[in-house]
PDB file of all heavy atoms in Angstrom:
ATOM      1  N   ARG A   1       3.547   7.338  -3.235  1.00  0.00           N
ATOM      2  CA  ARG A   1       3.105   7.342  -1.825  1.00  0.00           C
ATOM      3  C   ARG A   1       3.387   8.693  -1.173  1.00  0.00           C
ATOM      4  O   ARG A   1       2.512   9.283  -0.518  1.00  0.00           O
ATOM      5  CB  ARG A   1       3.839   6.239  -1.075  1.00  0.00           C
ATOM      6  CG  ARG A   1       3.587   6.222   0.434  1.00  0.00           C
ATOM      7  CD  ARG A   1       4.733   5.532   1.161  1.00  0.00           C
ATOM      8  NE  ARG A   1       5.994   6.257   1.009  1.00  0.00           N
ATOM      9  CZ  ARG A   1       7.190   5.773   1.352  1.00  0.00           C
ATOM     10  NH1 ARG A   1       7.287   4.549   1.857  1.00  0.00           N
ATOM     11  NH2 ARG A   1       8.289   6.499   1.186  1.00  0.00           N
ATOM     12  N   ASP A   2       4.611   9.184  -1.349  1.00  0.00           N
ATOM     13  CA  ASP A   2       5.000  10.441  -0.710  1.00  0.00           C
ATOM     14  C   ASP A   2       4.163  11.613  -1.212  1.00  0.00           C
ATOM     15  O   ASP A   2       3.782  12.506  -0.439  1.00  0.00           O
ATOM     16  CB  ASP A   2       6.482  10.718  -0.957  1.00  0.00           C
ATOM     17  CG  ASP A   2       7.389   9.731  -0.231  1.00  0.00           C
ATOM     18  OD1 ASP A   2       6.897   9.003   0.653  1.00  0.00           O
ATOM     19  OD2 ASP A   2       8.592   9.679  -0.570  1.00  0.00           O
ATOM     20  N   ARG A   3       3.841  11.601  -2.485  1.00  0.00           N
ATOM     21  CA  ARG A   3       3.048  12.702  -3.038  1.00  0.00           C
ATOM     22  C   ARG A   3       1.596  12.636  -2.587  1.00  0.00           C
ATOM     23  O   ARG A   3       0.963  13.668  -2.361  1.00  0.00           O
ATOM     24  CB  ARG A   3       3.170  12.707  -4.564  1.00  0.00           C
ATOM     25  CG  ARG A   3       4.574  13.130  -5.001  1.00  0.00           C
ATOM     26  CD  ARG A   3       4.746  13.207  -6.477  1.00  0.00           C
ATOM     27  NE  ARG A   3       6.086  13.712  -6.799  1.00  0.00           N
ATOM     28  CZ  ARG A   3       6.601  13.720  -8.017  1.00  0.00           C
ATOM     29  NH1 ARG A   3       5.890  13.248  -9.040  1.00  0.00           N
ATOM     30  NH2 ARG A   3       7.820  14.196  -8.220  1.00  0.00           N
ATOM     31  N   LEU A   4       1.072  11.436  -2.455  1.00  0.00           N
ATOM     32  CA  LEU A   4      -0.290  11.295  -1.933  1.00  0.00           C
ATOM     33  C   LEU A   4      -0.359  11.757  -0.482  1.00  0.00           C
ATOM     34  O   LEU A   4      -1.315  12.416  -0.068  1.00  0.00           O
ATOM     35  CB  LEU A   4      -0.745   9.846  -2.060  1.00  0.00           C
ATOM     36  CG  LEU A   4      -0.989   9.329  -3.486  1.00  0.00           C
ATOM     37  CD1 LEU A   4      -1.207   7.825  -3.476  1.00  0.00           C
ATOM     38  CD2 LEU A   4      -2.167  10.032  -4.131  1.00  0.00           C
ATOM     39  N   GLN A   5       0.654  11.406   0.278  1.00  0.00           N
ATOM     40  CA  GLN A   5       0.689  11.844   1.678  1.00  0.00           C
ATOM     41  C   GLN A   5       0.860  13.359   1.778  1.00  0.00           C
ATOM     42  O   GLN A   5       0.223  14.006   2.622  1.00  0.00           O
ATOM     43  CB  GLN A   5       1.815  11.125   2.416  1.00  0.00           C
ATOM     44  CG  GLN A   5       1.533   9.643   2.644  1.00  0.00           C
ATOM     45  CD  GLN A   5       2.693   8.905   3.276  1.00  0.00           C
ATOM     46  OE1 GLN A   5       3.855   9.261   3.094  1.00  0.00           O
ATOM     47  NE2 GLN A   5       2.387   7.849   4.021  1.00  0.00           N
ATOM     48  N   ALA A   6       1.692  13.930   0.920  1.00  0.00           N
ATOM     49  CA  ALA A   6       1.892  15.382   0.932  1.00  0.00           C
ATOM     50  C   ALA A   6       0.608  16.114   0.581  1.00  0.00           C
ATOM     51  O   ALA A   6       0.368  17.232   1.059  1.00  0.00           O
ATOM     52  CB  ALA A   6       3.004  15.765  -0.039  1.00  0.00           C
ATOM     53  N   ALA A   7      -0.240  15.477  -0.246  1.00  0.00           N
ATOM     54  CA  ALA A   7      -1.531  16.065  -0.615  1.00  0.00           C
ATOM     55  C   ALA A   7      -2.600  15.800   0.443  1.00  0.00           C
ATOM     56  O   ALA A   7      -3.767  16.125   0.238  1.00  0.00           O
ATOM     57  CB  ALA A   7      -1.984  15.517  -1.960  1.00  0.00           C
ATOM     58  N   GLN A   8      -2.205  15.198   1.562  1.00  0.00           N
ATOM     59  CA  GLN A   8      -3.077  14.945   2.710  1.00  0.00           C
ATOM     60  C   GLN A   8      -4.246  14.020   2.371  1.00  0.00           C
ATOM     61  O   GLN A   8      -5.357  14.182   2.864  1.00  0.00           O
ATOM     62  CB  GLN A   8      -3.596  16.265   3.291  1.00  0.00           C
ATOM     63  CG  GLN A   8      -2.484  17.183   3.777  1.00  0.00           C
ATOM     64  CD  GLN A   8      -3.008  18.484   4.344  1.00  0.00           C
ATOM     65  OE1 GLN A   8      -4.023  18.508   5.047  1.00  0.00           O
ATOM     66  NE2 GLN A   8      -2.329  19.577   4.036  1.00  0.00           N
ATOM     67  N   GLN A   9      -3.964  13.043   1.507  1.00  0.00           N
ATOM     68  CA  GLN A   9      -4.964  12.022   1.254  1.00  0.00           C
ATOM     69  C   GLN A   9      -4.902  10.975   2.365  1.00  0.00           C
ATOM     70  O   GLN A   9      -3.893  10.835   3.054  1.00  0.00           O
ATOM     71  CB  GLN A   9      -4.741  11.386  -0.118  1.00  0.00           C
ATOM     72  CG  GLN A   9      -4.739  12.392  -1.260  1.00  0.00           C
ATOM     73  CD  GLN A   9      -5.953  13.308  -1.257  1.00  0.00           C
ATOM     74  OE1 GLN A   9      -7.075  12.883  -0.981  1.00  0.00           O
ATOM     75  NE2 GLN A   9      -5.730  14.592  -1.557  1.00  0.00           N
ATOM     76  N   GLN A  10      -5.981  10.238   2.545  1.00  0.00           N
ATOM     77  CA  GLN A  10      -6.092   9.256   3.635  1.00  0.00           C
ATOM     78  C   GLN A  10      -5.497   7.931   3.159  1.00  0.00           C
ATOM     79  O   GLN A  10      -6.205   7.014   2.739  1.00  0.00           O
ATOM     80  CB  GLN A  10      -7.563   9.105   4.023  1.00  0.00           C
ATOM     81  CG  GLN A  10      -7.805   8.287   5.275  1.00  0.00           C
ATOM     82  CD  GLN A  10      -9.277   8.223   5.616  1.00  0.00           C
ATOM     83  OE1 GLN A  10     -10.034   9.157   5.364  1.00  0.00           O
ATOM     84  NE2 GLN A  10      -9.695   7.096   6.172  1.00  0.00           N
ATOM     85  N   LEU A  11      -4.178   7.826   3.243  1.00  0.00           N
ATOM     86  CA  LEU A  11      -3.461   6.727   2.600  1.00  0.00           C
ATOM     87  C   LEU A  11      -3.224   5.553   3.540  1.00  0.00           C
ATOM     88  O   LEU A  11      -2.769   5.724   4.666  1.00  0.00           O
ATOM     89  CB  LEU A  11      -2.111   7.231   2.075  1.00  0.00           C
ATOM     90  CG  LEU A  11      -1.265   6.204   1.316  1.00  0.00           C
ATOM     91  CD1 LEU A  11      -1.951   5.809   0.008  1.00  0.00           C
ATOM     92  CD2 LEU A  11       0.133   6.751   1.052  1.00  0.00           C
ATOM     93  N   THR A  12      -3.540   4.346   3.041  1.00  0.00           N
ATOM     94  CA  THR A  12      -3.151   3.099   3.689  1.00  0.00           C
ATOM     95  C   THR A  12      -2.063   2.467   2.829  1.00  0.00           C
ATOM     96  O   THR A  12      -2.319   2.072   1.691  1.00  0.00           O
ATOM     97  CB  THR A  12      -4.348   2.133   3.809  1.00  0.00           C
ATOM     98  OG1 THR A  12      -5.358   2.740   4.630  1.00  0.00           O
ATOM     99  CG2 THR A  12      -3.925   0.813   4.437  1.00  0.00           C
ATOM    100  N   TRP A  13      -0.854   2.397   3.350  1.00  0.00           N
ATOM    101  CA  TRP A  13       0.316   1.954   2.581  1.00  0.00           C
ATOM    102  C   TRP A  13       0.725   0.558   3.047  1.00  0.00           C
ATOM    103  O   TRP A  13       0.973   0.333   4.235  1.00  0.00           O
ATOM    104  CB  TRP A  13       1.446   2.955   2.787  1.00  0.00           C
ATOM    105  CG  TRP A  13       2.830   2.544   2.376  1.00  0.00           C
ATOM    106  CD1 TRP A  13       3.915   2.428   3.198  1.00  0.00           C
ATOM    107  CD2 TRP A  13       3.305   2.231   1.057  1.00  0.00           C
ATOM    108  NE1 TRP A  13       5.037   2.069   2.474  1.00  0.00           N
ATOM    109  CE2 TRP A  13       4.689   1.932   1.154  1.00  0.00           C
ATOM    110  CE3 TRP A  13       2.684   2.168  -0.199  1.00  0.00           C
ATOM    111  CZ2 TRP A  13       5.462   1.584   0.044  1.00  0.00           C
ATOM    112  CZ3 TRP A  13       3.460   1.812  -1.300  1.00  0.00           C
ATOM    113  CH2 TRP A  13       4.812   1.546  -1.185  1.00  0.00           C
ATOM    114  N   VAL A  14       0.775  -0.403   2.093  1.00  0.00           N
ATOM    115  CA  VAL A  14       1.092  -1.792   2.431  1.00  0.00           C
ATOM    116  C   VAL A  14       2.249  -2.279   1.554  1.00  0.00           C
ATOM    117  O   VAL A  14       2.031  -2.862   0.479  1.00  0.00           O
ATOM    118  CB  VAL A  14      -0.138  -2.712   2.248  1.00  0.00           C
ATOM    119  CG1 VAL A  14       0.187  -4.136   2.718  1.00  0.00           C
ATOM    120  CG2 VAL A  14      -1.344  -2.171   3.009  1.00  0.00           C
ATOM    121  N   PRO A  15       3.488  -2.026   1.968  1.00  0.00           N
ATOM    122  CA  PRO A  15       4.620  -2.636   1.260  1.00  0.00           C
ATOM    123  C   PRO A  15       4.742  -4.098   1.682  1.00  0.00           C
ATOM    124  O   PRO A  15       4.320  -4.471   2.782  1.00  0.00           O
ATOM    125  CB  PRO A  15       5.812  -1.810   1.753  1.00  0.00           C
ATOM    126  CG  PRO A  15       5.419  -1.381   3.126  1.00  0.00           C
ATOM    127  CD  PRO A  15       3.910  -1.197   3.104  1.00  0.00           C
ATOM    128  N   PHE A  16       5.307  -4.927   0.821  1.00  0.00           N
ATOM    129  CA  PHE A  16       5.459  -6.336   1.193  1.00  0.00           C
ATOM    130  C   PHE A  16       6.737  -6.894   0.570  1.00  0.00           C
ATOM    131  O   PHE A  16       7.268  -6.342  -0.394  1.00  0.00           O
ATOM    132  CB  PHE A  16       4.242  -7.164   0.757  1.00  0.00           C
ATOM    133  CG  PHE A  16       3.943  -7.124  -0.722  1.00  0.00           C
ATOM    134  CD1 PHE A  16       4.498  -8.048  -1.601  1.00  0.00           C
ATOM    135  CD2 PHE A  16       3.086  -6.159  -1.250  1.00  0.00           C
ATOM    136  CE1 PHE A  16       4.213  -8.017  -2.964  1.00  0.00           C
ATOM    137  CE2 PHE A  16       2.801  -6.109  -2.611  1.00  0.00           C
ATOM    138  CZ  PHE A  16       3.371  -7.045  -3.468  1.00  0.00           C
ATOM    139  N   GLU A  17       7.209  -7.977   1.151  1.00  0.00           N
ATOM    140  CA  GLU A  17       8.402  -8.643   0.622  1.00  0.00           C
ATOM    141  C   GLU A  17       7.959  -9.536  -0.539  1.00  0.00           C
ATOM    142  O   GLU A  17       7.249 -10.505  -0.342  1.00  0.00           O
ATOM    143  CB  GLU A  17       9.072  -9.482   1.717  1.00  0.00           C
ATOM    144  CG  GLU A  17       9.502  -8.686   2.940  1.00  0.00           C
ATOM    145  CD  GLU A  17      10.460  -7.555   2.610  1.00  0.00           C
ATOM    146  OE1 GLU A  17      11.291  -7.723   1.691  1.00  0.00           O
ATOM    147  OE2 GLU A  17      10.374  -6.494   3.257  1.00  0.00           O
ATOM    148  N   GLY A  18       8.359  -9.181  -1.728  1.00  0.00           N
ATOM    149  CA  GLY A  18       7.952  -9.956  -2.883  1.00  0.00           C
ATOM    150  C   GLY A  18       8.006  -9.113  -4.138  1.00  0.00           C
ATOM    151  O   GLY A  18       8.495  -7.978  -4.127  1.00  0.00           O
ATOM    152  N   GLY A  19       7.498  -9.686  -5.217  1.00  0.00           N
ATOM    153  CA  GLY A  19       7.593  -9.053  -6.511  1.00  0.00           C
ATOM    154  C   GLY A  19       6.327  -8.374  -6.964  1.00  0.00           C
ATOM    155  O   GLY A  19       5.618  -7.745  -6.178  1.00  0.00           O
ATOM    156  N   HIS A  20       5.999  -8.558  -8.233  1.00  0.00           N
ATOM    157  CA  HIS A  20       4.876  -7.881  -8.869  1.00  0.00           C
ATOM    158  C   HIS A  20       3.631  -8.720  -8.646  1.00  0.00           C
ATOM    159  O   HIS A  20       3.303  -9.599  -9.441  1.00  0.00           O
ATOM    160  CB  HIS A  20       5.177  -7.735 -10.369  1.00  0.00           C
ATOM    161  CG  HIS A  20       4.329  -6.724 -11.069  1.00  0.00           C
ATOM    162  ND1 HIS A  20       4.280  -5.405 -10.693  1.00  0.00           N
ATOM    163  CD2 HIS A  20       3.518  -6.832 -12.155  1.00  0.00           C
ATOM    164  CE1 HIS A  20       3.477  -4.739 -11.514  1.00  0.00           C
ATOM    165  NE2 HIS A  20       2.996  -5.590 -12.398  1.00  0.00           N
ATOM    166  N   GLY A  21       2.938  -8.485  -7.543  1.00  0.00           N
ATOM    167  CA  GLY A  21       1.831  -9.374  -7.238  1.00  0.00           C
ATOM    168  C   GLY A  21       0.886  -8.869  -6.181  1.00  0.00           C
ATOM    169  O   GLY A  21       0.960  -7.721  -5.745  1.00  0.00           O
ATOM    170  N   ILE A  22      -0.024  -9.759  -5.785  1.00  0.00           N
ATOM    171  CA  ILE A  22      -1.044  -9.459  -4.774  1.00  0.00           C
ATOM    172  C   ILE A  22      -1.001 -10.569  -3.727  1.00  0.00           C
ATOM    173  O   ILE A  22      -1.731 -11.559  -3.847  1.00  0.00           O
ATOM    174  CB  ILE A  22      -2.450  -9.359  -5.394  1.00  0.00           C
ATOM    175  CG1 ILE A  22      -2.468  -8.415  -6.593  1.00  0.00           C
ATOM    176  CG2 ILE A  22      -3.462  -8.892  -4.341  1.00  0.00           C
ATOM    177  CD1 ILE A  22      -3.795  -8.371  -7.325  1.00  0.00           C
ATOM    178  N   PRO A  23      -0.172 -10.458  -2.728  1.00  0.00           N
ATOM    179  CA  PRO A  23      -0.106 -11.503  -1.699  1.00  0.00           C
ATOM    180  C   PRO A  23      -1.279 -11.416  -0.732  1.00  0.00           C
ATOM    181  O   PRO A  23      -2.041 -10.441  -0.728  1.00  0.00           O
ATOM    182  CB  PRO A  23       1.223 -11.211  -0.997  1.00  0.00           C
ATOM    183  CG  PRO A  23       1.409  -9.746  -1.169  1.00  0.00           C
ATOM    184  CD  PRO A  23       0.823  -9.404  -2.515  1.00  0.00           C
ATOM    185  N   GLY A  24      -1.391 -12.424   0.112  1.00  0.00           N
ATOM    186  CA  GLY A  24      -2.499 -12.487   1.045  1.00  0.00           C
ATOM    187  C   GLY A  24      -2.577 -11.303   1.983  1.00  0.00           C
ATOM    188  O   GLY A  24      -3.664 -10.840   2.335  1.00  0.00           O
ATOM    189  N   VAL A  25      -1.410 -10.793   2.408  1.00  0.00           N
ATOM    190  CA  VAL A  25      -1.427  -9.660   3.324  1.00  0.00           C
ATOM    191  C   VAL A  25      -2.091  -8.447   2.685  1.00  0.00           C
ATOM    192  O   VAL A  25      -2.775  -7.661   3.361  1.00  0.00           O
ATOM    193  CB  VAL A  25       0.005  -9.313   3.799  1.00  0.00           C
ATOM    194  CG1 VAL A  25       0.880  -8.849   2.636  1.00  0.00           C
ATOM    195  CG2 VAL A  25      -0.026  -8.267   4.898  1.00  0.00           C
ATOM    196  N   VAL A  26      -1.918  -8.288   1.399  1.00  0.00           N
ATOM    197  CA  VAL A  26      -2.540  -7.161   0.693  1.00  0.00           C
ATOM    198  C   VAL A  26      -4.050  -7.335   0.671  1.00  0.00           C
ATOM    199  O   VAL A  26      -4.802  -6.392   0.971  1.00  0.00           O
ATOM    200  CB  VAL A  26      -1.976  -7.049  -0.740  1.00  0.00           C
ATOM    201  CG1 VAL A  26      -2.809  -6.085  -1.581  1.00  0.00           C
ATOM    202  CG2 VAL A  26      -0.524  -6.600  -0.691  1.00  0.00           C
ATOM    203  N   LEU A  27      -4.510  -8.532   0.333  1.00  0.00           N
ATOM    204  CA  LEU A  27      -5.951  -8.772   0.285  1.00  0.00           C
ATOM    205  C   LEU A  27      -6.592  -8.595   1.656  1.00  0.00           C
ATOM    206  O   LEU A  27      -7.683  -8.031   1.773  1.00  0.00           O
ATOM    207  CB  LEU A  27      -6.238 -10.170  -0.251  1.00  0.00           C
ATOM    208  CG  LEU A  27      -5.931 -10.389  -1.739  1.00  0.00           C
ATOM    209  CD1 LEU A  27      -6.158 -11.845  -2.100  1.00  0.00           C
ATOM    210  CD2 LEU A  27      -6.770  -9.481  -2.604  1.00  0.00           C
ATOM    211  N   GLY A  28      -5.899  -9.056   2.695  1.00  0.00           N
ATOM    212  CA  GLY A  28      -6.440  -8.909   4.037  1.00  0.00           C
ATOM    213  C   GLY A  28      -6.569  -7.455   4.456  1.00  0.00           C
ATOM    214  O   GLY A  28      -7.597  -7.039   5.011  1.00  0.00           O
ATOM    215  N   ARG A  29      -5.544  -6.661   4.179  1.00  0.00           N
ATOM    216  CA  ARG A  29      -5.591  -5.251   4.550  1.00  0.00           C
ATOM    217  C   ARG A  29      -6.617  -4.494   3.719  1.00  0.00           C
ATOM    218  O   ARG A  29      -7.306  -3.592   4.214  1.00  0.00           O
ATOM    219  CB  ARG A  29      -4.203  -4.624   4.369  1.00  0.00           C
ATOM    220  CG  ARG A  29      -3.152  -5.130   5.346  1.00  0.00           C
ATOM    221  CD  ARG A  29      -3.350  -4.562   6.738  1.00  0.00           C
ATOM    222  NE  ARG A  29      -3.257  -3.102   6.769  1.00  0.00           N
ATOM    223  CZ  ARG A  29      -2.108  -2.427   6.841  1.00  0.00           C
ATOM    224  NH1 ARG A  29      -0.953  -3.090   6.894  1.00  0.00           N
ATOM    225  NH2 ARG A  29      -2.110  -1.108   6.885  1.00  0.00           N
ATOM    226  N   LEU A  30      -6.730  -4.856   2.432  1.00  0.00           N
ATOM    227  CA  LEU A  30      -7.714  -4.203   1.577  1.00  0.00           C
ATOM    228  C   LEU A  30      -9.130  -4.534   2.039  1.00  0.00           C
ATOM    229  O   LEU A  30     -10.000  -3.646   2.123  1.00  0.00           O
ATOM    230  CB  LEU A  30      -7.521  -4.629   0.119  1.00  0.00           C
ATOM    231  CG  LEU A  30      -8.557  -4.101  -0.881  1.00  0.00           C
ATOM    232  CD1 LEU A  30      -8.626  -2.579  -0.850  1.00  0.00           C
ATOM    233  CD2 LEU A  30      -8.240  -4.609  -2.285  1.00  0.00           C
TER     234      LEU A  30
END
């Protein structure tokens, strides 16, 4: 994330409470 931001890419960052997965909040933001 930090390197993408340093390269000035248009980053949408979605951390979430949980493990190795795709929760609903991720799908909604995507």
